[in-house]
Amino acid sequence: MTSSLQMELTAAIRNIPDYPKPGIMFRDITTLLGNPRAFRRAIDELVHPYAGTKIDKIAGVEARGFIMGGAMAHQMSSGFVPIRKKGKLPHDTVRIAYSLEYGVDEMEMHRDAITPGEKVILVDDLIATGGTAEGAVKLLTQMGADIVAACFIIDLPDLGGRKKLEALGVNVHTLIEFGGH
């Protein structure tokens, strides 16, 4: 059964067929971000399971994870850590390579962004194959973070990303899912 939250968020997301290539249905959350009620509801639901839990940092993956992560950090009185593509941060960084659907890329964060033992929630807009999220989890873990959860608005379960993170021992919290790509 579909909840009113799932219906509201699903209705707020634009679907773009054949982007970035034929056969892919792109789930564009920019329309959700532009809808004040849907955006507020999504952020509220992402933070709700952790109410009353001391979370030191929210780590957001570039770029949409920055938007949601900043809102979550504000709401939870936590700090925010940007995880960016290599070469975008101005200070001393740590870097990790991660798998994409068709290749490898690198992401980084500031070396001093996490103090070992800090409780961290990772956030991004969508989990698909899990390559980016897995790389972010490994980077945070390498720096000593205690990863409480990884949160996403959208899960594409047919692509297996959630299972990949759960196999690493990460609790995954999502709000809606879409079958297929």
N, C-alpha and C. Protein backbone atom coordinates (compact mmCIF):
# COMPACT_ATOMS: atom_id res chain seq x y z
N MET A 1 0.85 -1.19 0.00
CA MET A 1 0.00 0.00 0.00
C MET A 1 0.89 1.25 0.00
N THR A 2 0.53 2.22 -0.78
CA THR A 2 1.29 3.44 -0.91
C THR A 2 0.80 4.47 0.10
N SER A 3 1.74 5.08 0.83
CA SER A 3 1.39 6.09 1.82
C SER A 3 1.20 7.45 1.15
N SER A 4 0.59 8.38 1.89
CA SER A 4 0.42 9.73 1.36
C SER A 4 1.79 10.38 1.13
N LEU A 5 2.77 10.08 1.98
CA LEU A 5 4.12 10.60 1.79
C LEU A 5 4.69 10.12 0.46
N GLN A 6 4.60 8.82 0.20
CA GLN A 6 5.14 8.27 -1.04
C GLN A 6 4.44 8.87 -2.25
N MET A 7 3.12 9.03 -2.17
CA MET A 7 2.37 9.62 -3.29
C MET A 7 2.79 11.07 -3.51
N GLU A 8 2.93 11.83 -2.43
CA GLU A 8 3.32 13.24 -2.55
C GLU A 8 4.72 13.39 -3.14
N LEU A 9 5.66 12.61 -2.64
CA LEU A 9 7.03 12.72 -3.15
C LEU A 9 7.14 12.23 -4.59
N THR A 10 6.47 11.14 -4.89
CA THR A 10 6.49 10.62 -6.26
C THR A 10 5.92 11.64 -7.24
N ALA A 11 4.83 12.30 -6.84
CA ALA A 11 4.21 13.31 -7.70
C ALA A 11 5.11 14.54 -7.88
N ALA A 12 6.00 14.79 -6.92
CA ALA A 12 6.86 15.97 -6.98
C ALA A 12 8.14 15.73 -7.79
N ILE A 13 8.38 14.51 -8.21
CA ILE A 13 9.60 14.17 -8.95
C ILE A 13 9.30 14.10 -10.44
N ARG A 14 10.13 14.78 -11.22
CA ARG A 14 9.97 14.77 -12.68
C ARG A 14 10.69 13.54 -13.25
N ASN A 15 10.04 12.83 -14.15
CA ASN A 15 10.63 11.67 -14.82
C ASN A 15 11.03 12.08 -16.23
N ILE A 16 12.30 11.83 -16.56
CA ILE A 16 12.81 12.21 -17.88
C ILE A 16 13.27 10.94 -18.59
N PRO A 17 12.49 10.47 -19.58
CA PRO A 17 12.88 9.25 -20.28
C PRO A 17 14.11 9.44 -21.16
N ASP A 18 14.88 8.36 -21.28
CA ASP A 18 16.05 8.31 -22.17
C ASP A 18 17.12 9.34 -21.84
N TYR A 19 17.29 9.63 -20.55
CA TYR A 19 18.35 10.54 -20.11
C TYR A 19 19.13 9.87 -18.99
N PRO A 20 20.41 9.83 -19.03
CA PRO A 20 21.33 10.45 -19.99
C PRO A 20 21.57 9.62 -21.25
N LYS A 21 20.90 8.45 -21.33
CA LYS A 21 21.04 7.63 -22.53
C LYS A 21 19.74 6.85 -22.74
N PRO A 22 19.53 6.32 -23.92
CA PRO A 22 18.30 5.58 -24.20
C PRO A 22 18.11 4.41 -23.21
N GLY A 23 16.87 4.25 -22.78
CA GLY A 23 16.52 3.17 -21.88
C GLY A 23 16.57 3.53 -20.40
N ILE A 24 17.11 4.72 -20.08
CA ILE A 24 17.19 5.17 -18.69
C ILE A 24 16.03 6.12 -18.41
N MET A 25 15.36 5.92 -17.26
CA MET A 25 14.35 6.86 -16.79
C MET A 25 14.99 7.67 -15.67
N PHE A 26 15.34 8.93 -15.96
CA PHE A 26 16.01 9.78 -14.99
C PHE A 26 14.99 10.33 -14.01
N ARG A 27 15.27 10.19 -12.73
CA ARG A 27 14.40 10.70 -11.66
C ARG A 27 14.98 12.02 -11.19
N ASP A 28 14.36 13.11 -11.62
CA ASP A 28 14.85 14.46 -11.38
C ASP A 28 14.20 15.05 -10.14
N ILE A 29 14.98 15.23 -9.06
CA ILE A 29 14.40 15.76 -7.83
C ILE A 29 14.38 17.28 -7.79
N THR A 30 14.86 17.98 -8.84
CA THR A 30 14.84 19.43 -8.78
C THR A 30 13.41 19.97 -8.65
N THR A 31 12.44 19.26 -9.19
CA THR A 31 11.05 19.69 -9.03
C THR A 31 10.59 19.49 -7.58
N LEU A 32 11.05 18.44 -6.92
CA LEU A 32 10.74 18.23 -5.50
C LEU A 32 11.38 19.35 -4.67
N LEU A 33 12.63 19.70 -4.99
CA LEU A 33 13.31 20.76 -4.26
C LEU A 33 12.60 22.10 -4.41
N GLY A 34 11.96 22.33 -5.54
CA GLY A 34 11.23 23.57 -5.79
C GLY A 34 9.84 23.60 -5.21
N ASN A 35 9.39 22.48 -4.66
CA ASN A 35 8.06 22.38 -4.06
C ASN A 35 8.23 22.47 -2.54
N PRO A 36 7.90 23.63 -1.93
CA PRO A 36 8.19 23.82 -0.51
C PRO A 36 7.63 22.72 0.40
N ARG A 37 6.40 22.29 0.15
CA ARG A 37 5.80 21.26 1.01
C ARG A 37 6.50 19.92 0.84
N ALA A 38 6.74 19.50 -0.39
CA ALA A 38 7.38 18.21 -0.63
C ALA A 38 8.82 18.21 -0.11
N PHE A 39 9.55 19.31 -0.32
CA PHE A 39 10.93 19.39 0.16
C PHE A 39 10.97 19.31 1.68
N ARG A 40 10.11 20.08 2.34
CA ARG A 40 10.06 20.06 3.81
C ARG A 40 9.72 18.66 4.31
N ARG A 41 8.74 18.06 3.69
CA ARG A 41 8.33 16.72 4.11
C ARG A 41 9.45 15.70 3.93
N ALA A 42 10.16 15.78 2.82
CA ALA A 42 11.26 14.85 2.57
C ALA A 42 12.34 15.01 3.64
N ILE A 43 12.73 16.25 3.93
CA ILE A 43 13.76 16.48 4.95
C ILE A 43 13.28 16.00 6.31
N ASP A 44 12.04 16.32 6.66
CA ASP A 44 11.49 15.87 7.95
C ASP A 44 11.54 14.35 8.06
N GLU A 45 11.19 13.66 6.99
CA GLU A 45 11.16 12.19 7.02
C GLU A 45 12.56 11.58 7.02
N LEU A 46 13.52 12.27 6.42
CA LEU A 46 14.90 11.78 6.45
C LEU A 46 15.50 11.89 7.85
N VAL A 47 15.16 12.94 8.59
CA VAL A 47 15.74 13.12 9.93
C VAL A 47 14.95 12.43 11.03
N HIS A 48 13.68 12.18 10.80
CA HIS A 48 12.79 11.63 11.84
C HIS A 48 13.33 10.39 12.56
N PRO A 49 13.85 9.39 11.85
CA PRO A 49 14.33 8.19 12.56
C PRO A 49 15.48 8.46 13.52
N TYR A 50 16.13 9.61 13.40
CA TYR A 50 17.31 9.90 14.20
C TYR A 50 17.05 10.99 15.25
N ALA A 51 15.77 11.37 15.40
CA ALA A 51 15.40 12.35 16.42
C ALA A 51 15.83 11.82 17.79
N GLY A 52 16.47 12.67 18.55
CA GLY A 52 16.93 12.26 19.87
C GLY A 52 18.28 11.57 19.86
N THR A 53 18.84 11.32 18.68
CA THR A 53 20.17 10.71 18.56
C THR A 53 21.17 11.82 18.31
N LYS A 54 22.27 11.82 19.01
CA LYS A 54 23.32 12.82 18.79
C LYS A 54 24.06 12.48 17.50
N ILE A 55 23.87 13.31 16.50
CA ILE A 55 24.56 13.16 15.22
C ILE A 55 25.52 14.33 15.11
N ASP A 56 26.81 14.03 14.96
CA ASP A 56 27.81 15.08 14.91
C ASP A 56 27.88 15.76 13.55
N LYS A 57 27.80 14.95 12.49
CA LYS A 57 27.95 15.51 11.13
C LYS A 57 26.99 14.82 10.16
N ILE A 58 26.56 15.61 9.20
CA ILE A 58 25.85 15.10 8.03
C ILE A 58 26.85 15.23 6.88
N ALA A 59 27.12 14.15 6.17
CA ALA A 59 28.03 14.18 5.03
C ALA A 59 27.20 14.08 3.76
N GLY A 60 27.29 15.08 2.91
CA GLY A 60 26.51 15.12 1.68
C GLY A 60 27.39 14.92 0.47
N VAL A 61 26.91 14.09 -0.45
CA VAL A 61 27.63 13.81 -1.69
C VAL A 61 27.24 14.84 -2.74
N GLU A 62 28.24 15.39 -3.42
CA GLU A 62 28.02 16.39 -4.46
C GLU A 62 27.07 15.87 -5.53
N ALA A 63 26.12 16.60 -5.96
CA ALA A 63 25.72 17.94 -5.63
C ALA A 63 24.40 17.96 -4.86
N ARG A 64 23.48 17.09 -5.20
CA ARG A 64 22.17 17.15 -4.54
C ARG A 64 22.25 16.77 -3.07
N GLY A 65 23.23 15.96 -2.70
CA GLY A 65 23.42 15.63 -1.29
C GLY A 65 23.79 16.86 -0.47
N PHE A 66 24.37 17.89 -1.12
CA PHE A 66 24.67 19.14 -0.42
C PHE A 66 23.38 19.83 0.00
N ILE A 67 22.42 19.84 -0.90
CA ILE A 67 21.16 20.55 -0.63
C ILE A 67 20.43 19.88 0.53
N MET A 68 20.24 18.59 0.42
CA MET A 68 19.51 17.87 1.48
C MET A 68 20.33 17.82 2.76
N GLY A 69 21.64 17.61 2.62
CA GLY A 69 22.50 17.52 3.79
C GLY A 69 22.56 18.80 4.58
N GLY A 70 22.59 19.93 3.89
CA GLY A 70 22.59 21.22 4.59
C GLY A 70 21.30 21.41 5.38
N ALA A 71 20.18 21.07 4.77
CA ALA A 71 18.89 21.18 5.46
C ALA A 71 18.82 20.22 6.64
N MET A 72 19.30 19.00 6.45
CA MET A 72 19.29 18.03 7.54
C MET A 72 20.21 18.47 8.68
N ALA A 73 21.41 18.97 8.35
CA ALA A 73 22.35 19.41 9.38
C ALA A 73 21.74 20.55 10.19
N HIS A 74 21.09 21.48 9.52
CA HIS A 74 20.43 22.59 10.22
C HIS A 74 19.37 22.05 11.18
N GLN A 75 18.54 21.18 10.69
CA GLN A 75 17.43 20.66 11.49
C GLN A 75 17.93 19.82 12.68
N MET A 76 19.07 19.16 12.51
CA MET A 76 19.59 18.28 13.57
C MET A 76 20.68 18.94 14.42
N SER A 77 20.95 20.23 14.17
CA SER A 77 22.02 20.95 14.88
C SER A 77 23.34 20.20 14.77
N SER A 78 23.64 19.75 13.57
CA SER A 78 24.86 19.00 13.27
C SER A 78 25.73 19.82 12.33
N GLY A 79 26.99 19.43 12.23
CA GLY A 79 27.86 20.03 11.23
C GLY A 79 27.60 19.38 9.87
N PHE A 80 28.17 19.97 8.83
CA PHE A 80 28.01 19.44 7.48
C PHE A 80 29.38 19.21 6.86
N VAL A 81 29.54 18.07 6.18
CA VAL A 81 30.78 17.71 5.50
C VAL A 81 30.48 17.51 4.01
N PRO A 82 31.06 18.32 3.14
CA PRO A 82 30.89 18.09 1.71
C PRO A 82 31.85 17.01 1.21
N ILE A 83 31.32 16.07 0.46
CA ILE A 83 32.14 15.08 -0.23
C ILE A 83 32.04 15.42 -1.72
N ARG A 84 33.19 15.78 -2.30
CA ARG A 84 33.20 16.34 -3.64
C ARG A 84 34.03 15.53 -4.61
N LYS A 85 33.84 15.81 -5.88
CA LYS A 85 34.71 15.25 -6.91
C LYS A 85 36.11 15.80 -6.70
N LYS A 86 37.09 15.03 -7.10
CA LYS A 86 38.48 15.42 -6.84
C LYS A 86 38.81 16.78 -7.44
N GLY A 87 39.66 17.50 -6.71
CA GLY A 87 40.14 18.79 -7.19
C GLY A 87 39.26 19.97 -6.87
N LYS A 88 38.17 19.78 -6.14
CA LYS A 88 37.22 20.87 -5.88
C LYS A 88 37.35 21.48 -4.48
N LEU A 89 38.12 20.83 -3.59
CA LEU A 89 38.25 21.34 -2.23
C LEU A 89 39.60 22.03 -2.06
N PRO A 90 39.65 23.17 -1.35
CA PRO A 90 40.85 23.99 -1.32
C PRO A 90 41.90 23.63 -0.28
N HIS A 91 41.61 22.73 0.61
CA HIS A 91 42.55 22.44 1.71
C HIS A 91 43.07 21.01 1.58
N ASP A 92 43.80 20.55 2.58
CA ASP A 92 44.36 19.20 2.60
C ASP A 92 43.22 18.17 2.58
N THR A 93 43.25 17.26 1.62
CA THR A 93 42.15 16.32 1.44
C THR A 93 42.60 14.86 1.51
N VAL A 94 41.61 14.00 1.70
CA VAL A 94 41.78 12.56 1.54
C VAL A 94 40.89 12.17 0.38
N ARG A 95 41.32 11.18 -0.39
CA ARG A 95 40.64 10.84 -1.65
C ARG A 95 40.45 9.34 -1.73
N ILE A 96 39.41 8.93 -2.44
CA ILE A 96 39.17 7.52 -2.70
C ILE A 96 38.62 7.36 -4.11
N ALA A 97 39.01 6.30 -4.79
CA ALA A 97 38.45 5.96 -6.10
C ALA A 97 37.19 5.14 -5.86
N TYR A 98 36.21 5.32 -6.72
CA TYR A 98 34.96 4.56 -6.61
C TYR A 98 34.47 4.19 -8.00
N SER A 99 33.65 3.15 -8.04
CA SER A 99 33.16 2.63 -9.32
C SER A 99 31.90 3.34 -9.77
N LEU A 100 31.88 3.66 -11.03
CA LEU A 100 30.68 4.17 -11.70
C LEU A 100 30.17 3.06 -12.61
N GLU A 101 29.01 3.29 -13.20
CA GLU A 101 28.44 2.29 -14.09
C GLU A 101 29.41 1.94 -15.22
N TYR A 102 30.11 2.96 -15.74
CA TYR A 102 31.04 2.73 -16.84
C TYR A 102 32.40 3.33 -16.54
N GLY A 103 33.02 2.92 -15.47
CA GLY A 103 34.37 3.41 -15.19
C GLY A 103 34.60 3.69 -13.72
N VAL A 104 35.59 4.52 -13.46
CA VAL A 104 36.02 4.85 -12.11
C VAL A 104 36.19 6.36 -12.01
N ASP A 105 35.90 6.91 -10.84
CA ASP A 105 36.12 8.32 -10.57
C ASP A 105 36.70 8.43 -9.17
N GLU A 106 36.97 9.63 -8.73
CA GLU A 106 37.49 9.84 -7.38
C GLU A 106 36.70 10.93 -6.68
N MET A 107 36.56 10.78 -5.35
CA MET A 107 35.93 11.79 -4.54
C MET A 107 36.83 12.08 -3.36
N GLU A 108 36.62 13.25 -2.76
CA GLU A 108 37.47 13.61 -1.63
C GLU A 108 36.71 14.47 -0.63
N MET A 109 37.31 14.57 0.54
CA MET A 109 36.81 15.45 1.60
C MET A 109 38.02 16.02 2.31
N HIS A 110 37.81 17.09 3.06
CA HIS A 110 38.91 17.66 3.83
C HIS A 110 39.37 16.67 4.90
N ARG A 111 40.66 16.57 5.05
CA ARG A 111 41.26 15.64 6.01
C ARG A 111 40.77 15.92 7.43
N ASP A 112 40.52 17.19 7.76
CA ASP A 112 40.10 17.55 9.12
C ASP A 112 38.57 17.66 9.29
N ALA A 113 37.80 17.16 8.33
CA ALA A 113 36.34 17.29 8.38
C ALA A 113 35.69 16.38 9.41
N ILE A 114 36.33 15.26 9.70
CA ILE A 114 35.78 14.27 10.63
C ILE A 114 36.81 14.00 11.72
N THR A 115 36.33 14.01 12.96
CA THR A 115 37.15 13.57 14.08
C THR A 115 36.81 12.11 14.34
N PRO A 116 37.79 11.24 14.49
CA PRO A 116 37.48 9.83 14.72
C PRO A 116 36.45 9.63 15.83
N GLY A 117 35.48 8.76 15.55
CA GLY A 117 34.42 8.47 16.51
C GLY A 117 33.16 9.31 16.35
N GLU A 118 33.22 10.35 15.49
CA GLU A 118 32.02 11.17 15.30
C GLU A 118 30.93 10.36 14.63
N LYS A 119 29.70 10.59 15.06
CA LYS A 119 28.53 9.93 14.48
C LYS A 119 28.10 10.72 13.25
N VAL A 120 28.02 10.01 12.11
CA VAL A 120 27.80 10.66 10.82
C VAL A 120 26.65 9.98 10.08
N ILE A 121 25.82 10.80 9.43
CA ILE A 121 24.81 10.31 8.49
C ILE A 121 25.25 10.76 7.10
N LEU A 122 25.30 9.82 6.17
CA LEU A 122 25.60 10.11 4.77
C LEU A 122 24.28 10.36 4.05
N VAL A 123 24.25 11.36 3.16
CA VAL A 123 23.02 11.65 2.42
C VAL A 123 23.31 11.96 0.96
N ASP A 124 22.40 11.48 0.11
CA ASP A 124 22.39 11.83 -1.31
C ASP A 124 20.94 11.72 -1.78
N ASP A 125 20.68 12.16 -2.99
CA ASP A 125 19.29 12.15 -3.46
C ASP A 125 18.79 10.76 -3.81
N LEU A 126 19.69 9.91 -4.34
CA LEU A 126 19.24 8.65 -4.92
C LEU A 126 20.32 7.58 -4.75
N ILE A 127 19.89 6.36 -4.51
CA ILE A 127 20.81 5.22 -4.50
C ILE A 127 20.43 4.31 -5.66
N ALA A 128 21.38 4.07 -6.55
CA ALA A 128 21.16 3.21 -7.71
C ALA A 128 22.08 2.00 -7.60
N THR A 129 23.22 2.02 -8.27
CA THR A 129 24.14 0.89 -8.19
C THR A 129 24.94 0.91 -6.88
N GLY A 130 25.00 2.05 -6.24
CA GLY A 130 25.66 2.17 -4.94
C GLY A 130 27.14 2.48 -5.01
N GLY A 131 27.71 2.64 -6.19
CA GLY A 131 29.14 2.90 -6.31
C GLY A 131 29.59 4.17 -5.61
N THR A 132 28.86 5.26 -5.83
CA THR A 132 29.21 6.53 -5.21
C THR A 132 29.03 6.46 -3.70
N ALA A 133 27.90 5.92 -3.25
CA ALA A 133 27.64 5.82 -1.82
C ALA A 133 28.65 4.90 -1.14
N GLU A 134 29.00 3.81 -1.79
CA GLU A 134 30.00 2.90 -1.23
C GLU A 134 31.34 3.61 -1.08
N GLY A 135 31.74 4.37 -2.09
CA GLY A 135 32.98 5.13 -2.01
C GLY A 135 32.95 6.14 -0.86
N ALA A 136 31.81 6.83 -0.70
CA ALA A 136 31.68 7.81 0.39
C ALA A 136 31.74 7.12 1.75
N VAL A 137 31.09 5.97 1.88
CA VAL A 137 31.13 5.21 3.14
C VAL A 137 32.57 4.81 3.46
N LYS A 138 33.29 4.32 2.47
CA LYS A 138 34.68 3.90 2.70
C LYS A 138 35.57 5.08 3.05
N LEU A 139 35.33 6.22 2.42
CA LEU A 139 36.11 7.43 2.72
C LEU A 139 35.85 7.88 4.16
N LEU A 140 34.59 7.94 4.55
CA LEU A 140 34.22 8.34 5.92
C LEU A 140 34.79 7.36 6.95
N THR A 141 34.67 6.08 6.65
CA THR A 141 35.18 5.05 7.57
C THR A 141 36.70 5.17 7.71
N GLN A 142 37.38 5.40 6.60
CA GLN A 142 38.83 5.58 6.60
C GLN A 142 39.24 6.72 7.55
N MET A 143 38.38 7.74 7.66
CA MET A 143 38.69 8.88 8.52
C MET A 143 38.20 8.69 9.95
N GLY A 144 37.62 7.51 10.24
CA GLY A 144 37.22 7.20 11.61
C GLY A 144 35.79 7.52 11.97
N ALA A 145 34.97 7.84 10.98
CA ALA A 145 33.56 8.15 11.26
C ALA A 145 32.81 6.90 11.71
N ASP A 146 31.85 7.10 12.60
CA ASP A 146 30.89 6.07 13.00
C ASP A 146 29.64 6.35 12.17
N ILE A 147 29.45 5.59 11.10
CA ILE A 147 28.33 5.87 10.18
C ILE A 147 27.04 5.29 10.75
N VAL A 148 26.15 6.19 11.13
CA VAL A 148 24.87 5.82 11.73
C VAL A 148 23.93 5.31 10.65
N ALA A 149 23.93 5.96 9.49
CA ALA A 149 23.02 5.58 8.41
C ALA A 149 23.43 6.28 7.12
N ALA A 150 22.88 5.78 6.03
CA ALA A 150 22.94 6.45 4.72
C ALA A 150 21.49 6.70 4.31
N CYS A 151 21.17 7.95 4.00
CA CYS A 151 19.80 8.34 3.70
C CYS A 151 19.68 8.83 2.26
N PHE A 152 18.58 8.44 1.63
CA PHE A 152 18.32 8.82 0.24
C PHE A 152 16.83 9.07 0.09
N ILE A 153 16.44 9.99 -0.76
CA ILE A 153 15.02 10.16 -1.07
C ILE A 153 14.56 8.97 -1.89
N ILE A 154 15.34 8.59 -2.91
CA ILE A 154 14.93 7.56 -3.87
C ILE A 154 15.85 6.35 -3.81
N ASP A 155 15.24 5.19 -3.86
CA ASP A 155 15.97 3.92 -4.01
C ASP A 155 15.53 3.29 -5.33
N LEU A 156 16.50 2.87 -6.12
CA LEU A 156 16.25 2.08 -7.32
C LEU A 156 16.69 0.65 -6.99
N PRO A 157 15.83 -0.13 -6.32
CA PRO A 157 16.27 -1.42 -5.76
C PRO A 157 16.74 -2.43 -6.80
N ASP A 158 16.26 -2.34 -8.03
CA ASP A 158 16.67 -3.29 -9.06
C ASP A 158 18.16 -3.18 -9.38
N LEU A 159 18.80 -2.06 -9.01
CA LEU A 159 20.21 -1.85 -9.32
C LEU A 159 21.14 -2.27 -8.18
N GLY A 160 20.59 -2.61 -7.01
CA GLY A 160 21.36 -3.25 -5.95
C GLY A 160 22.20 -2.39 -5.04
N GLY A 161 22.10 -1.08 -5.12
CA GLY A 161 22.93 -0.22 -4.27
C GLY A 161 22.66 -0.36 -2.79
N ARG A 162 21.40 -0.45 -2.43
CA ARG A 162 21.04 -0.58 -1.02
C ARG A 162 21.68 -1.83 -0.42
N LYS A 163 21.58 -2.95 -1.15
CA LYS A 163 22.16 -4.21 -0.66
C LYS A 163 23.67 -4.09 -0.51
N LYS A 164 24.31 -3.34 -1.41
CA LYS A 164 25.76 -3.14 -1.34
C LYS A 164 26.14 -2.43 -0.05
N LEU A 165 25.38 -1.39 0.31
CA LEU A 165 25.67 -0.66 1.55
C LEU A 165 25.35 -1.50 2.78
N GLU A 166 24.24 -2.22 2.73
CA GLU A 166 23.88 -3.06 3.87
C GLU A 166 24.92 -4.15 4.09
N ALA A 167 25.54 -4.64 3.02
CA ALA A 167 26.61 -5.64 3.15
C ALA A 167 27.83 -5.06 3.85
N LEU A 168 27.97 -3.73 3.82
CA LEU A 168 29.06 -3.06 4.53
C LEU A 168 28.67 -2.75 5.98
N GLY A 169 27.45 -3.15 6.36
CA GLY A 169 26.97 -2.90 7.72
C GLY A 169 26.34 -1.55 7.93
N VAL A 170 25.97 -0.87 6.83
CA VAL A 170 25.37 0.46 6.91
C VAL A 170 23.85 0.34 6.90
N ASN A 171 23.21 1.00 7.85
CA ASN A 171 21.76 1.11 7.88
C ASN A 171 21.34 2.08 6.76
N VAL A 172 20.41 1.67 5.91
CA VAL A 172 19.98 2.50 4.78
C VAL A 172 18.53 2.92 4.99
N HIS A 173 18.29 4.24 4.87
CA HIS A 173 16.96 4.80 5.04
C HIS A 173 16.58 5.52 3.74
N THR A 174 15.49 5.07 3.10
CA THR A 174 15.00 5.71 1.88
C THR A 174 13.52 6.04 2.06
N LEU A 175 13.02 6.95 1.22
CA LEU A 175 11.63 7.38 1.34
C LEU A 175 10.72 6.76 0.28
N ILE A 176 11.21 6.64 -0.95
CA ILE A 176 10.40 6.06 -2.02
C ILE A 176 11.31 5.21 -2.91
N GLU A 177 10.70 4.32 -3.68
CA GLU A 177 11.48 3.54 -4.62
C GLU A 177 10.77 3.45 -5.94
N PHE A 178 11.59 3.28 -6.98
CA PHE A 178 11.11 3.10 -8.33
C PHE A 178 11.77 1.84 -8.89
N GLY A 179 11.00 0.99 -9.54
CA GLY A 179 11.55 -0.18 -10.19
C GLY A 179 12.28 0.22 -11.46
N GLY A 180 13.12 -0.66 -11.94
CA GLY A 180 13.85 -0.42 -13.19
C GLY A 180 15.04 0.47 -12.98
N HIS A 181 15.45 1.14 -14.05
CA HIS A 181 16.64 2.01 -14.00
C HIS A 181 16.20 3.40 -13.72
